[in-house]
């Protein structure tokens, strides 16, 4: 089995050189030597790190992603994981909103809005839609009809899995991307908006899934630890900013490249400058 996991790793750029050096250290642990006898071929995992494409400049051309998509398609993953919350996770965070204030709306607000639109047409709330989506996926024939794909797209959206819904939507011929079979006119418009929205989850992961003939992607992000962080995030950041190597991080070419983009400038200041607290 081959798995691709696509994540945004802006902070990790600063640690790549150190990680590379430590990987060559004498006596470093090699997981391939941990178990000499494997039953079946080991799973191959490829991890992609990218700045969030939502922060790309206005003149960003999606065509520049084509060489990446070609190489990923050559890798041929069976499963594509994305850095997004699953519908189950968003629903749980929203249900326990008093414990996780703003987490669901901040990290899954669009999924909630799309799910509400889909529920109005399908009559399925998020838990029921998740169960129905699993049933439909398990029974999906090799060559689904357009009506089956529209129905699955509607149910996946209602379940809070908008990116998997988009896989089904984009696997339809353009003329078949229309209202019907659980897709309302409003939902069809909202799904079509992803053609011009910028996000690595659909510009890379969903496009790749469609190209490979996969039926879904797998959201694997999690924010159930947000309740234990609280002010510690701010306090720890202050401690980090007082460390001797903080200036080196700020001066690094990687950080400066990200900071130069107008759309990312204010966000970076908020996270990394004293004025952000």
C-alpha atoms as a PDB file:
ATOM      1  CA  UNK A   1       0.000   0.000   0.000  1.00  0.00           C
ATOM      2  CA  UNK A   2       1.129   3.537  -0.744  1.00  0.00           C
ATOM      3  CA  UNK A   3      -0.005   6.529   1.267  1.00  0.00           C
ATOM      4  CA  UNK A   4       0.425  10.257   0.633  1.00  0.00           C
ATOM      5  CA  UNK A   5      -0.041  12.710   3.475  1.00  0.00           C
ATOM      6  CA  UNK A   6      -0.231  16.383   2.521  1.00  0.00           C
ATOM      7  CA  UNK A   7       0.384  18.861   5.303  1.00  0.00           C
ATOM      8  CA  UNK A   8       1.245  22.530   5.631  1.00  0.00           C
ATOM      9  CA  UNK A   9       4.577  22.769   7.417  1.00  0.00           C
ATOM     10  CA  UNK A  10       5.639  26.407   7.489  1.00  0.00           C
ATOM     11  CA  UNK A  11       7.241  26.121  10.979  1.00  0.00           C
ATOM     12  CA  UNK A  12       9.048  22.915  10.044  1.00  0.00           C
ATOM     13  CA  UNK A  13      11.053  24.576   7.290  1.00  0.00           C
ATOM     14  CA  UNK A  14      13.387  25.961   9.917  1.00  0.00           C
ATOM     15  CA  UNK A  15      14.328  22.521  11.177  1.00  0.00           C
ATOM     16  CA  UNK A  16      15.031  20.706   7.928  1.00  0.00           C
ATOM     17  CA  UNK A  17      18.809  21.138   8.001  1.00  0.00           C
ATOM     18  CA  UNK A  18      19.082  19.946  11.594  1.00  0.00           C
ATOM     19  CA  UNK A  19      16.840  16.967  10.886  1.00  0.00           C
ATOM     20  CA  UNK A  20      18.967  16.006   7.898  1.00  0.00           C
ATOM     21  CA  UNK A  21      22.154  16.186   9.934  1.00  0.00           C
ATOM     22  CA  UNK A  22      20.740  14.144  12.802  1.00  0.00           C
ATOM     23  CA  UNK A  23      19.575  11.462  10.368  1.00  0.00           C
ATOM     24  CA  UNK A  24      23.218  10.788   9.519  1.00  0.00           C
ATOM     25  CA  UNK A  25      24.373  10.521  13.133  1.00  0.00           C
ATOM     26  CA  UNK A  26      26.227   7.292  14.014  1.00  0.00           C
ATOM     27  CA  UNK A  27      23.993   4.738  15.652  1.00  0.00           C
ATOM     28  CA  UNK A  28      20.795   6.478  14.576  1.00  0.00           C
ATOM     29  CA  UNK A  29      17.685   4.330  14.810  1.00  0.00           C
ATOM     30  CA  UNK A  30      16.578   2.825  11.517  1.00  0.00           C
ATOM     31  CA  UNK A  31      13.018   1.457  11.694  1.00  0.00           C
ATOM     32  CA  UNK A  32      13.803  -0.891   8.806  1.00  0.00           C
ATOM     33  CA  UNK A  33      16.121  -2.803  11.132  1.00  0.00           C
ATOM     34  CA  UNK A  34      13.618  -3.046  13.988  1.00  0.00           C
ATOM     35  CA  UNK A  35      11.824  -6.053  12.555  1.00  0.00           C
ATOM     36  CA  UNK A  36      13.709  -8.284  10.181  1.00  0.00           C
ATOM     37  CA  UNK A  37      10.739 -10.409   9.136  1.00  0.00           C
ATOM     38  CA  UNK A  38       7.746  -8.595   7.696  1.00  0.00           C
ATOM     39  CA  UNK A  39       4.514 -10.219   6.617  1.00  0.00           C
ATOM     40  CA  UNK A  40       3.780  -8.631   3.271  1.00  0.00           C
ATOM     41  CA  UNK A  41       5.358  -5.609   1.674  1.00  0.00           C
ATOM     42  CA  UNK A  42       5.855  -2.601   3.980  1.00  0.00           C
ATOM     43  CA  UNK A  43       3.560   0.357   3.427  1.00  0.00           C
ATOM     44  CA  UNK A  44       5.251   3.171   1.522  1.00  0.00           C
ATOM     45  CA  UNK A  45       4.474   6.639   2.860  1.00  0.00           C
ATOM     46  CA  UNK A  46       5.268   9.935   1.134  1.00  0.00           C
ATOM     47  CA  UNK A  47       4.735  13.158   3.097  1.00  0.00           C
ATOM     48  CA  UNK A  48       4.375  16.518   1.349  1.00  0.00           C
ATOM     49  CA  UNK A  49       5.007  19.775   3.191  1.00  0.00           C
ATOM     50  CA  UNK A  50       3.776  23.064   1.763  1.00  0.00           C
ATOM     51  CA  UNK A  51       2.925  26.558   2.939  1.00  0.00           C
ATOM     52  CA  UNK A  52      -0.825  27.073   2.924  1.00  0.00           C
ATOM     53  CA  UNK A  53      -1.772  27.924  -0.659  1.00  0.00           C
ATOM     54  CA  UNK A  54      -4.572  30.124   0.665  1.00  0.00           C
ATOM     55  CA  UNK A  55      -1.787  32.617   1.383  1.00  0.00           C
ATOM     56  CA  UNK A  56      -0.416  32.532  -2.157  1.00  0.00           C
ATOM     57  CA  UNK A  57      -0.222  35.875  -4.003  1.00  0.00           C
ATOM     58  CA  UNK A  58      -3.106  36.978  -6.212  1.00  0.00           C
ATOM     59  CA  UNK A  59      -1.172  36.161  -9.376  1.00  0.00           C
ATOM     60  CA  UNK A  60      -0.490  32.566  -8.284  1.00  0.00           C
ATOM     61  CA  UNK A  61      -0.864  30.237 -11.264  1.00  0.00           C
ATOM     62  CA  UNK A  62      -2.191  26.758 -10.347  1.00  0.00           C
ATOM     63  CA  UNK A  63      -0.411  25.414 -13.435  1.00  0.00           C
ATOM     64  CA  UNK A  64       2.861  25.462 -11.483  1.00  0.00           C
ATOM     65  CA  UNK A  65       1.508  22.516  -9.474  1.00  0.00           C
ATOM     66  CA  UNK A  66       1.337  20.259 -12.526  1.00  0.00           C
ATOM     67  CA  UNK A  67       4.910  18.871 -12.218  1.00  0.00           C
ATOM     68  CA  UNK A  68       4.176  18.023  -8.568  1.00  0.00           C
ATOM     69  CA  UNK A  69       0.919  16.308  -9.494  1.00  0.00           C
ATOM     70  CA  UNK A  70       2.693  14.311 -12.192  1.00  0.00           C
ATOM     71  CA  UNK A  71       5.331  13.054  -9.761  1.00  0.00           C
ATOM     72  CA  UNK A  72       2.724  12.216  -7.131  1.00  0.00           C
ATOM     73  CA  UNK A  73       0.636  10.372  -9.695  1.00  0.00           C
ATOM     74  CA  UNK A  74       3.724   8.353 -10.624  1.00  0.00           C
ATOM     75  CA  UNK A  75       4.085   7.386  -6.956  1.00  0.00           C
ATOM     76  CA  UNK A  76       0.521   6.053  -7.206  1.00  0.00           C
ATOM     77  CA  UNK A  77      -0.892   6.253  -3.664  1.00  0.00           C
ATOM     78  CA  UNK A  78      -3.833   4.083  -2.633  1.00  0.00           C
ATOM     79  CA  UNK A  79      -4.762   6.533   0.136  1.00  0.00           C
ATOM     80  CA  UNK A  80      -4.392  10.323   0.284  1.00  0.00           C
ATOM     81  CA  UNK A  81      -4.479  11.989   3.707  1.00  0.00           C
ATOM     82  CA  UNK A  82      -5.000  15.728   4.181  1.00  0.00           C
ATOM     83  CA  UNK A  83      -4.440  18.182   7.013  1.00  0.00           C
ATOM     84  CA  UNK A  84      -8.105  18.868   7.705  1.00  0.00           C
ATOM     85  CA  UNK A  85     -10.571  17.921  10.391  1.00  0.00           C
ATOM     86  CA  UNK A  86     -12.924  15.041   9.670  1.00  0.00           C
ATOM     87  CA  UNK A  87     -16.647  15.631   9.880  1.00  0.00           C
ATOM     88  CA  UNK A  88     -16.771  13.491  13.015  1.00  0.00           C
ATOM     89  CA  UNK A  89     -14.120  15.652  14.661  1.00  0.00           C
ATOM     90  CA  UNK A  90     -15.782  18.930  13.656  1.00  0.00           C
ATOM     91  CA  UNK A  91     -19.133  17.687  14.957  1.00  0.00           C
ATOM     92  CA  UNK A  92     -17.589  16.636  18.276  1.00  0.00           C
ATOM     93  CA  UNK A  93     -15.781  19.961  18.716  1.00  0.00           C
ATOM     94  CA  UNK A  94     -18.999  21.845  17.944  1.00  0.00           C
ATOM     95  CA  UNK A  95     -21.013  19.678  20.338  1.00  0.00           C
ATOM     96  CA  UNK A  96     -18.501  20.394  23.117  1.00  0.00           C
ATOM     97  CA  UNK A  97     -18.085  24.034  22.144  1.00  0.00           C
ATOM     98  CA  UNK A  98     -17.957  25.121  25.779  1.00  0.00           C
ATOM     99  CA  UNK A  99     -14.825  22.986  26.190  1.00  0.00           C
ATOM    100  CA  UNK A 100     -13.323  23.845  22.794  1.00  0.00           C
ATOM    101  CA  UNK A 101     -14.416  27.440  22.206  1.00  0.00           C
ATOM    102  CA  UNK A 102     -14.012  28.528  18.578  1.00  0.00           C
ATOM    103  CA  UNK A 103     -12.103  25.376  17.519  1.00  0.00           C
ATOM    104  CA  UNK A 104     -14.909  23.995  15.341  1.00  0.00           C
ATOM    105  CA  UNK A 105     -15.725  27.353  13.751  1.00  0.00           C
ATOM    106  CA  UNK A 106     -12.080  28.307  13.253  1.00  0.00           C
ATOM    107  CA  UNK A 107     -10.865  25.034  11.751  1.00  0.00           C
ATOM    108  CA  UNK A 108     -14.108  23.599  10.368  1.00  0.00           C
ATOM    109  CA  UNK A 109     -16.442  26.536   9.855  1.00  0.00           C
ATOM    110  CA  UNK A 110     -16.760  26.073   6.108  1.00  0.00           C
ATOM    111  CA  UNK A 111     -17.410  22.348   6.548  1.00  0.00           C
ATOM    112  CA  UNK A 112     -20.226  23.163   8.990  1.00  0.00           C
ATOM    113  CA  UNK A 113     -21.792  25.661   6.602  1.00  0.00           C
ATOM    114  CA  UNK A 114     -21.622  23.259   3.671  1.00  0.00           C
ATOM    115  CA  UNK A 115     -23.000  20.437   5.825  1.00  0.00           C
ATOM    116  CA  UNK A 116     -25.981  22.591   6.794  1.00  0.00           C
ATOM    117  CA  UNK A 117     -26.730  23.313   3.129  1.00  0.00           C
ATOM    118  CA  UNK A 118     -26.488  19.609   2.278  1.00  0.00           C
ATOM    119  CA  UNK A 119     -28.624  18.598   5.262  1.00  0.00           C
ATOM    120  CA  UNK A 120     -31.421  20.869   4.065  1.00  0.00           C
ATOM    121  CA  UNK A 121     -31.624  18.819   0.859  1.00  0.00           C
ATOM    122  CA  UNK A 122     -30.732  15.313   2.092  1.00  0.00           C
ATOM    123  CA  UNK A 123     -32.364  15.443   5.511  1.00  0.00           C
ATOM    124  CA  UNK A 124     -29.220  13.922   7.022  1.00  0.00           C
ATOM    125  CA  UNK A 125     -27.386  15.432   9.971  1.00  0.00           C
ATOM    126  CA  UNK A 126     -23.641  14.918  10.221  1.00  0.00           C
ATOM    127  CA  UNK A 127     -23.652  11.606  12.193  1.00  0.00           C
ATOM    128  CA  UNK A 128     -26.355  10.035  10.005  1.00  0.00           C
ATOM    129  CA  UNK A 129     -24.660  11.314   6.866  1.00  0.00           C
ATOM    130  CA  UNK A 130     -21.339   9.788   7.940  1.00  0.00           C
ATOM    131  CA  UNK A 131     -22.974   6.384   8.355  1.00  0.00           C
ATOM    132  CA  UNK A 132     -24.725   6.709   4.989  1.00  0.00           C
ATOM    133  CA  UNK A 133     -21.514   7.836   3.269  1.00  0.00           C
ATOM    134  CA  UNK A 134     -19.693   4.756   4.520  1.00  0.00           C
ATOM    135  CA  UNK A 135     -22.517   2.542   3.283  1.00  0.00           C
ATOM    136  CA  UNK A 136     -22.534   4.185  -0.144  1.00  0.00           C
ATOM    137  CA  UNK A 137     -18.749   4.007  -0.496  1.00  0.00           C
ATOM    138  CA  UNK A 138     -18.717   0.321   0.434  1.00  0.00           C
ATOM    139  CA  UNK A 139     -21.384  -0.438  -2.176  1.00  0.00           C
ATOM    140  CA  UNK A 140     -20.086   1.891  -4.895  1.00  0.00           C
ATOM    141  CA  UNK A 141     -19.771   0.041  -8.217  1.00  0.00           C
ATOM    142  CA  UNK A 142     -16.670   0.243 -10.374  1.00  0.00           C
ATOM    143  CA  UNK A 143     -18.376   2.650 -12.762  1.00  0.00           C
ATOM    144  CA  UNK A 144     -20.918   4.696 -10.805  1.00  0.00           C
ATOM    145  CA  UNK A 145     -23.650   6.552 -12.646  1.00  0.00           C
ATOM    146  CA  UNK A 146     -23.666  10.371 -12.495  1.00  0.00           C
ATOM    147  CA  UNK A 147     -26.686  10.145 -10.194  1.00  0.00           C
ATOM    148  CA  UNK A 148     -24.756   7.899  -7.792  1.00  0.00           C
ATOM    149  CA  UNK A 149     -21.812  10.294  -7.726  1.00  0.00           C
ATOM    150  CA  UNK A 150     -24.072  13.297  -7.115  1.00  0.00           C
ATOM    151  CA  UNK A 151     -25.806  11.458  -4.288  1.00  0.00           C
ATOM    152  CA  UNK A 152     -22.488  10.485  -2.725  1.00  0.00           C
ATOM    153  CA  UNK A 153     -21.169  14.045  -3.068  1.00  0.00           C
ATOM    154  CA  UNK A 154     -24.268  15.362  -1.305  1.00  0.00           C
ATOM    155  CA  UNK A 155     -24.020  12.836   1.535  1.00  0.00           C
ATOM    156  CA  UNK A 156     -20.277  13.373   2.018  1.00  0.00           C
ATOM    157  CA  UNK A 157     -20.855  17.123   2.214  1.00  0.00           C
ATOM    158  CA  UNK A 158     -23.599  16.583   4.790  1.00  0.00           C
ATOM    159  CA  UNK A 159     -21.129  14.442   6.754  1.00  0.00           C
ATOM    160  CA  UNK A 160     -18.651  17.322   6.885  1.00  0.00           C
ATOM    161  CA  UNK A 161     -16.230  15.712   4.422  1.00  0.00           C
ATOM    162  CA  UNK A 162     -16.315  18.416   1.757  1.00  0.00           C
ATOM    163  CA  UNK A 163     -13.031  17.422   0.127  1.00  0.00           C
ATOM    164  CA  UNK A 164     -14.160  13.836  -0.447  1.00  0.00           C
ATOM    165  CA  UNK A 165     -17.409  15.268  -1.806  1.00  0.00           C
ATOM    166  CA  UNK A 166     -15.310  17.346  -4.168  1.00  0.00           C
ATOM    167  CA  UNK A 167     -13.549  14.194  -5.397  1.00  0.00           C
ATOM    168  CA  UNK A 168     -16.937  12.820  -6.455  1.00  0.00           C
ATOM    169  CA  UNK A 169     -18.005  16.185  -7.903  1.00  0.00           C
ATOM    170  CA  UNK A 170     -14.875  16.557 -10.017  1.00  0.00           C
ATOM    171  CA  UNK A 171     -15.074  12.969 -11.227  1.00  0.00           C
ATOM    172  CA  UNK A 172     -18.324  13.949 -12.936  1.00  0.00           C
ATOM    173  CA  UNK A 173     -18.297  15.341 -16.451  1.00  0.00           C
ATOM    174  CA  UNK A 174     -18.796  19.111 -16.366  1.00  0.00           C
ATOM    175  CA  UNK A 175     -22.334  18.798 -17.740  1.00  0.00           C
ATOM    176  CA  UNK A 176     -23.260  16.432 -14.888  1.00  0.00           C
ATOM    177  CA  UNK A 177     -22.143  18.829 -12.139  1.00  0.00           C
ATOM    178  CA  UNK A 178     -25.642  20.091 -11.540  1.00  0.00           C
ATOM    179  CA  UNK A 179     -28.458  20.007  -9.023  1.00  0.00           C
ATOM    180  CA  UNK A 180     -30.193  16.696  -8.413  1.00  0.00           C
ATOM    181  CA  UNK A 181     -29.865  13.504  -6.363  1.00  0.00           C
ATOM    182  CA  UNK A 182     -29.355  15.414  -3.120  1.00  0.00           C
ATOM    183  CA  UNK A 183     -27.370  18.294  -4.623  1.00  0.00           C
ATOM    184  CA  UNK A 184     -29.310  21.547  -4.338  1.00  0.00           C
ATOM    185  CA  UNK A 185     -28.688  24.457  -6.666  1.00  0.00           C
ATOM    186  CA  UNK A 186     -26.999  26.294  -3.793  1.00  0.00           C
ATOM    187  CA  UNK A 187     -24.693  23.378  -3.005  1.00  0.00           C
ATOM    188  CA  UNK A 188     -23.747  22.995  -6.672  1.00  0.00           C
ATOM    189  CA  UNK A 189     -22.637  26.630  -6.720  1.00  0.00           C
ATOM    190  CA  UNK A 190     -20.655  26.217  -3.486  1.00  0.00           C
ATOM    191  CA  UNK A 191     -18.851  23.132  -4.802  1.00  0.00           C
ATOM    192  CA  UNK A 192     -18.063  24.911  -8.069  1.00  0.00           C
ATOM    193  CA  UNK A 193     -16.438  27.729  -6.086  1.00  0.00           C
ATOM    194  CA  UNK A 194     -13.538  25.392  -5.316  1.00  0.00           C
ATOM    195  CA  UNK A 195     -12.419  25.820  -8.917  1.00  0.00           C
ATOM    196  CA  UNK A 196     -11.105  29.263  -7.970  1.00  0.00           C
ATOM    197  CA  UNK A 197     -10.448  28.858  -4.236  1.00  0.00           C
ATOM    198  CA  UNK A 198      -6.829  28.277  -3.206  1.00  0.00           C
ATOM    199  CA  UNK A 199      -6.021  25.497  -0.785  1.00  0.00           C
ATOM    200  CA  UNK A 200      -3.552  22.627  -1.014  1.00  0.00           C
ATOM    201  CA  UNK A 201      -6.192  20.113   0.087  1.00  0.00           C
ATOM    202  CA  UNK A 202      -8.142  20.433  -3.144  1.00  0.00           C
ATOM    203  CA  UNK A 203      -5.526  21.914  -5.498  1.00  0.00           C
ATOM    204  CA  UNK A 204      -3.175  19.002  -4.823  1.00  0.00           C
ATOM    205  CA  UNK A 205      -4.886  16.203  -2.870  1.00  0.00           C
ATOM    206  CA  UNK A 206      -8.334  16.225  -4.495  1.00  0.00           C
ATOM    207  CA  UNK A 207      -6.931  16.794  -7.986  1.00  0.00           C
ATOM    208  CA  UNK A 208      -4.576  13.866  -7.450  1.00  0.00           C
ATOM    209  CA  UNK A 209      -7.389  11.628  -6.178  1.00  0.00           C
ATOM    210  CA  UNK A 210      -9.461  12.421  -9.263  1.00  0.00           C
ATOM    211  CA  UNK A 211      -6.498  11.757 -11.545  1.00  0.00           C
ATOM    212  CA  UNK A 212      -5.860   8.381  -9.907  1.00  0.00           C
ATOM    213  CA  UNK A 213      -9.512   7.323  -9.896  1.00  0.00           C
ATOM    214  CA  UNK A 214      -9.833   7.311  -6.102  1.00  0.00           C
ATOM    215  CA  UNK A 215     -13.206   7.930  -4.492  1.00  0.00           C
ATOM    216  CA  UNK A 216     -12.205   9.999  -1.474  1.00  0.00           C
ATOM    217  CA  UNK A 217      -9.452  11.613   0.572  1.00  0.00           C
ATOM    218  CA  UNK A 218      -8.887  11.131   4.312  1.00  0.00           C
ATOM    219  CA  UNK A 219      -8.876  14.127   6.710  1.00  0.00           C
ATOM    220  CA  UNK A 220      -6.472  13.333   9.568  1.00  0.00           C
ATOM    221  CA  UNK A 221      -6.059  16.609  11.478  1.00  0.00           C
ATOM    222  CA  UNK A 222      -7.129  16.847  15.124  1.00  0.00           C
ATOM    223  CA  UNK A 223      -7.811  19.672  17.567  1.00  0.00           C
ATOM    224  CA  UNK A 224      -9.108  17.809  20.599  1.00  0.00           C
ATOM    225  CA  UNK A 225      -5.992  18.899  22.461  1.00  0.00           C
ATOM    226  CA  UNK A 226      -6.910  22.565  22.158  1.00  0.00           C
ATOM    227  CA  UNK A 227      -8.533  22.580  25.602  1.00  0.00           C
ATOM    228  CA  UNK A 228      -5.240  21.879  27.386  1.00  0.00           C
ATOM    229  CA  UNK A 229      -3.255  24.599  25.631  1.00  0.00           C
ATOM    230  CA  UNK A 230      -4.911  27.820  26.731  1.00  0.00           C
ATOM    231  CA  UNK A 231      -2.507  30.613  27.632  1.00  0.00           C
ATOM    232  CA  UNK A 232       0.418  28.172  27.552  1.00  0.00           C
ATOM    233  CA  UNK A 233       0.708  28.773  23.811  1.00  0.00           C
ATOM    234  CA  UNK A 234       1.339  32.473  24.378  1.00  0.00           C
ATOM    235  CA  UNK A 235       3.574  31.895  27.404  1.00  0.00           C
ATOM    236  CA  UNK A 236       5.702  29.300  25.606  1.00  0.00           C
ATOM    237  CA  UNK A 237       6.037  31.588  22.604  1.00  0.00           C
ATOM    238  CA  UNK A 238       7.363  34.363  24.829  1.00  0.00           C
ATOM    239  CA  UNK A 239       9.951  31.966  26.263  1.00  0.00           C
ATOM    240  CA  UNK A 240      10.956  30.888  22.758  1.00  0.00           C
ATOM    241  CA  UNK A 241      11.314  34.499  21.643  1.00  0.00           C
ATOM    242  CA  UNK A 242      13.788  35.105  24.473  1.00  0.00           C
ATOM    243  CA  UNK A 243      16.064  32.251  23.414  1.00  0.00           C
ATOM    244  CA  UNK A 244      19.389  33.040  21.790  1.00  0.00           C
ATOM    245  CA  UNK A 245      18.614  31.332  18.488  1.00  0.00           C
ATOM    246  CA  UNK A 246      15.290  33.135  17.981  1.00  0.00           C
ATOM    247  CA  UNK A 247      16.959  35.909  15.971  1.00  0.00           C
ATOM    248  CA  UNK A 248      18.545  33.299  13.704  1.00  0.00           C
ATOM    249  CA  UNK A 249      15.131  31.787  12.998  1.00  0.00           C
ATOM    250  CA  UNK A 250      13.677  35.190  12.115  1.00  0.00           C
ATOM    251  CA  UNK A 251      16.661  35.976   9.877  1.00  0.00           C
ATOM    252  CA  UNK A 252      16.556  32.646   8.030  1.00  0.00           C
ATOM    253  CA  UNK A 253      15.914  32.803   4.267  1.00  0.00           C
ATOM    254  CA  UNK A 254      12.902  30.499   4.655  1.00  0.00           C
ATOM    255  CA  UNK A 255      11.197  32.766   7.188  1.00  0.00           C
ATOM    256  CA  UNK A 256      11.992  35.909   5.238  1.00  0.00           C
ATOM    257  CA  UNK A 257      10.613  34.387   2.043  1.00  0.00           C
ATOM    258  CA  UNK A 258       7.318  33.619   3.763  1.00  0.00           C
ATOM    259  CA  UNK A 259       7.214  36.989   5.512  1.00  0.00           C
ATOM    260  CA  UNK A 260       7.673  38.899   2.259  1.00  0.00           C
ATOM    261  CA  UNK A 261       4.319  37.707   0.907  1.00  0.00           C
ATOM    262  CA  UNK A 262       1.729  40.416   1.683  1.00  0.00           C
ATOM    263  CA  UNK A 263      -1.019  37.918   2.455  1.00  0.00           C
ATOM    264  CA  UNK A 264       1.139  36.164   5.052  1.00  0.00           C
ATOM    265  CA  UNK A 265       2.839  39.191   6.575  1.00  0.00           C
ATOM    266  CA  UNK A 266       0.230  40.060   9.194  1.00  0.00           C
ATOM    267  CA  UNK A 267      -0.261  36.427  10.190  1.00  0.00           C
ATOM    268  CA  UNK A 268       3.466  35.946  10.699  1.00  0.00           C
ATOM    269  CA  UNK A 269       3.683  39.109  12.767  1.00  0.00           C
ATOM    270  CA  UNK A 270       0.861  37.859  14.955  1.00  0.00           C
ATOM    271  CA  UNK A 271       2.556  34.521  15.595  1.00  0.00           C
ATOM    272  CA  UNK A 272       6.199  35.555  15.851  1.00  0.00           C
ATOM    273  CA  UNK A 273       6.489  39.204  16.848  1.00  0.00           C
ATOM    274  CA  UNK A 274       6.111  40.613  20.376  1.00  0.00           C
ATOM    275  CA  UNK A 275       3.412  42.976  19.093  1.00  0.00           C
ATOM    276  CA  UNK A 276       1.237  39.958  18.389  1.00  0.00           C
ATOM    277  CA  UNK A 277       0.416  39.313  22.027  1.00  0.00           C
END
